[in-house]
């Protein structure tokens, strides 16, 4: 298969956006971990951070905090 058209600038833009989104996701996970350690409920954390309740519960399990 031959690439007839490759736009390097669009490619770089997509890579930056992907990195930015991954950074946001990692920050949300770190924030959830910190809030769980402070004793906030998974429901409150999910509401405030924008993660799903299931994601917050999985994070709680991974750091050994009962939710």
N, C-alpha and C. Protein backbone atom coordinates (compact mmCIF):
# COMPACT_ATOMS: atom_id res chain seq x y z
N UNK A 1 0.84 -1.16 0.00
CA UNK A 1 0.00 0.00 0.00
C UNK A 1 0.89 1.24 0.00
N UNK A 2 0.57 2.15 -0.86
CA UNK A 2 1.36 3.37 -0.99
C UNK A 2 0.57 4.52 -0.40
N UNK A 3 1.23 5.28 0.45
CA UNK A 3 0.59 6.48 0.99
C UNK A 3 0.70 7.58 -0.06
N UNK A 4 -0.43 8.00 -0.54
CA UNK A 4 -0.40 9.04 -1.56
C UNK A 4 -0.23 10.42 -0.93
N UNK A 5 -0.77 10.57 0.28
CA UNK A 5 -0.70 11.87 0.91
C UNK A 5 -0.50 11.69 2.40
N UNK A 6 0.55 12.27 2.91
CA UNK A 6 0.83 12.22 4.34
C UNK A 6 1.12 13.64 4.79
N UNK A 7 0.33 14.09 5.75
CA UNK A 7 0.51 15.44 6.26
C UNK A 7 1.19 15.35 7.62
N UNK A 8 2.46 15.69 7.63
CA UNK A 8 3.25 15.56 8.86
C UNK A 8 2.72 16.46 9.97
N UNK A 9 2.25 17.64 9.63
CA UNK A 9 1.72 18.55 10.65
C UNK A 9 0.47 17.98 11.31
N UNK A 10 -0.42 17.39 10.53
CA UNK A 10 -1.62 16.77 11.10
C UNK A 10 -1.22 15.61 11.99
N UNK A 11 -0.24 14.83 11.56
CA UNK A 11 0.24 13.71 12.36
C UNK A 11 0.79 14.21 13.70
N UNK A 12 1.62 15.24 13.67
CA UNK A 12 2.20 15.79 14.90
C UNK A 12 1.11 16.34 15.81
N UNK A 13 0.11 16.99 15.23
CA UNK A 13 -1.00 17.53 16.01
C UNK A 13 -1.75 16.40 16.72
N UNK A 14 -1.99 15.32 16.01
CA UNK A 14 -2.69 14.17 16.60
C UNK A 14 -1.88 13.54 17.72
N UNK A 15 -0.58 13.45 17.54
CA UNK A 15 0.28 12.89 18.58
C UNK A 15 0.25 13.77 19.82
N UNK A 16 0.30 15.08 19.64
CA UNK A 16 0.24 16.00 20.78
C UNK A 16 -1.09 15.87 21.51
N UNK A 17 -2.18 15.81 20.75
CA UNK A 17 -3.50 15.68 21.36
C UNK A 17 -3.61 14.39 22.15
N UNK A 18 -3.11 13.30 21.57
CA UNK A 18 -3.14 12.02 22.28
C UNK A 18 -2.35 12.10 23.58
N UNK A 19 -1.20 12.72 23.55
CA UNK A 19 -0.38 12.88 24.75
C UNK A 19 -1.07 13.74 25.79
N UNK A 20 -1.72 14.79 25.33
CA UNK A 20 -2.44 15.68 26.25
C UNK A 20 -3.58 14.93 26.93
N UNK A 21 -4.34 14.16 26.17
CA UNK A 21 -5.46 13.40 26.73
C UNK A 21 -4.97 12.35 27.72
N UNK A 22 -3.86 11.71 27.40
CA UNK A 22 -3.31 10.71 28.31
C UNK A 22 -2.84 11.38 29.60
N UNK A 23 -2.26 12.56 29.49
CA UNK A 23 -1.85 13.31 30.67
C UNK A 23 -3.03 13.69 31.55
N UNK A 24 -4.12 14.10 30.92
CA UNK A 24 -5.33 14.43 31.68
C UNK A 24 -5.86 13.21 32.42
N UNK A 25 -5.85 12.07 31.75
CA UNK A 25 -6.34 10.83 32.36
C UNK A 25 -5.47 10.45 33.55
N UNK A 26 -4.16 10.55 33.39
CA UNK A 26 -3.25 10.21 34.49
C UNK A 26 -3.45 11.15 35.67
N UNK A 27 -3.66 12.43 35.41
CA UNK A 27 -3.89 13.41 36.48
C UNK A 27 -5.18 13.09 37.22
N UNK A 28 -6.23 12.71 36.50
CA UNK A 28 -7.50 12.36 37.13
C UNK A 28 -7.32 11.15 38.05
N UNK A 29 -6.55 10.19 37.61
CA UNK A 29 -6.29 9.00 38.43
C UNK A 29 -5.52 9.39 39.69
N UNK A 30 -4.50 10.21 39.55
CA UNK A 30 -3.73 10.66 40.71
C UNK A 30 -4.61 11.43 41.69
N UNK A 31 -5.46 12.30 41.16
CA UNK A 31 -6.37 13.06 42.02
C UNK A 31 -7.33 12.13 42.75
N UNK A 32 -7.85 11.13 42.04
CA UNK A 32 -8.77 10.18 42.67
C UNK A 32 -8.07 9.42 43.79
N UNK A 33 -6.83 8.99 43.55
CA UNK A 33 -6.08 8.29 44.59
C UNK A 33 -5.90 9.16 45.83
N UNK A 34 -5.53 10.41 45.61
CA UNK A 34 -5.32 11.33 46.74
C UNK A 34 -6.61 11.57 47.51
N UNK A 35 -7.71 11.77 46.79
CA UNK A 35 -8.99 12.02 47.46
C UNK A 35 -9.47 10.78 48.21
N UNK A 36 -9.24 9.61 47.66
CA UNK A 36 -9.60 8.38 48.37
C UNK A 36 -8.81 8.25 49.67
N UNK A 37 -7.52 8.58 49.60
CA UNK A 37 -6.69 8.52 50.82
C UNK A 37 -7.15 9.53 51.87
N UNK A 38 -7.73 10.62 51.40
CA UNK A 38 -8.26 11.64 52.33
C UNK A 38 -9.63 11.26 52.89
N UNK A 39 -10.23 10.19 52.35
CA UNK A 39 -11.48 9.70 52.90
C UNK A 39 -12.74 10.10 52.14
N UNK A 40 -12.58 10.75 51.00
CA UNK A 40 -13.77 11.10 50.21
C UNK A 40 -14.40 9.84 49.63
N UNK A 41 -15.70 9.91 49.40
CA UNK A 41 -16.42 8.75 48.87
C UNK A 41 -16.18 8.61 47.37
N UNK A 42 -16.21 7.38 46.87
CA UNK A 42 -16.06 7.18 45.43
C UNK A 42 -17.11 7.93 44.61
N UNK A 43 -18.32 8.01 45.14
CA UNK A 43 -19.40 8.71 44.43
C UNK A 43 -19.06 10.19 44.25
N UNK A 44 -18.57 10.80 45.31
CA UNK A 44 -18.21 12.22 45.26
C UNK A 44 -17.04 12.43 44.30
N UNK A 45 -16.06 11.57 44.38
CA UNK A 45 -14.88 11.69 43.52
C UNK A 45 -15.27 11.55 42.05
N UNK A 46 -16.10 10.57 41.75
CA UNK A 46 -16.54 10.36 40.36
C UNK A 46 -17.27 11.60 39.85
N UNK A 47 -18.11 12.17 40.67
CA UNK A 47 -18.86 13.38 40.29
C UNK A 47 -17.93 14.55 40.02
N UNK A 48 -16.96 14.73 40.86
CA UNK A 48 -16.10 15.92 40.80
C UNK A 48 -14.98 15.82 39.76
N UNK A 49 -14.46 14.64 39.57
CA UNK A 49 -13.30 14.49 38.68
C UNK A 49 -13.71 14.12 37.26
N UNK A 50 -14.86 13.49 37.12
CA UNK A 50 -15.29 13.11 35.78
C UNK A 50 -14.93 11.69 35.39
N UNK A 51 -14.48 10.91 36.35
CA UNK A 51 -14.27 9.48 36.10
C UNK A 51 -15.57 8.75 36.40
N UNK A 52 -15.71 7.56 35.86
CA UNK A 52 -16.90 6.78 36.19
C UNK A 52 -16.75 6.22 37.60
N UNK A 53 -17.87 5.91 38.20
CA UNK A 53 -17.86 5.34 39.54
C UNK A 53 -17.09 4.02 39.55
N UNK A 54 -17.26 3.24 38.51
CA UNK A 54 -16.53 1.97 38.40
C UNK A 54 -15.02 2.21 38.35
N UNK A 55 -14.58 3.22 37.61
CA UNK A 55 -13.15 3.53 37.55
C UNK A 55 -12.62 3.92 38.92
N UNK A 56 -13.37 4.73 39.64
CA UNK A 56 -12.93 5.16 40.98
C UNK A 56 -12.87 3.96 41.91
N UNK A 57 -13.84 3.08 41.83
CA UNK A 57 -13.81 1.87 42.69
C UNK A 57 -12.62 0.99 42.35
N UNK A 58 -12.27 0.88 41.07
CA UNK A 58 -11.10 0.10 40.68
C UNK A 58 -9.82 0.73 41.23
N UNK A 59 -9.76 2.05 41.19
CA UNK A 59 -8.60 2.75 41.75
C UNK A 59 -8.52 2.49 43.25
N UNK A 60 -9.66 2.55 43.92
CA UNK A 60 -9.69 2.29 45.38
C UNK A 60 -9.18 0.89 45.68
N UNK A 61 -9.59 -0.08 44.88
CA UNK A 61 -9.12 -1.46 45.09
C UNK A 61 -7.63 -1.57 44.85
N UNK A 62 -7.14 -0.84 43.85
CA UNK A 62 -5.72 -0.95 43.51
C UNK A 62 -4.82 -0.34 44.57
N UNK A 63 -5.36 0.59 45.37
CA UNK A 63 -4.54 1.17 46.44
C UNK A 63 -5.00 0.67 47.81
N UNK A 64 -5.79 -0.38 47.80
CA UNK A 64 -6.22 -1.08 49.02
C UNK A 64 -7.02 -0.21 49.99
N UNK A 65 -7.94 0.57 49.44
CA UNK A 65 -8.85 1.35 50.27
C UNK A 65 -10.25 0.86 50.01
N UNK A 66 -10.94 0.47 51.04
CA UNK A 66 -12.31 -0.02 50.85
C UNK A 66 -13.22 1.16 50.52
N UNK A 67 -14.03 0.95 49.48
CA UNK A 67 -14.97 2.00 49.05
C UNK A 67 -16.39 1.56 49.32
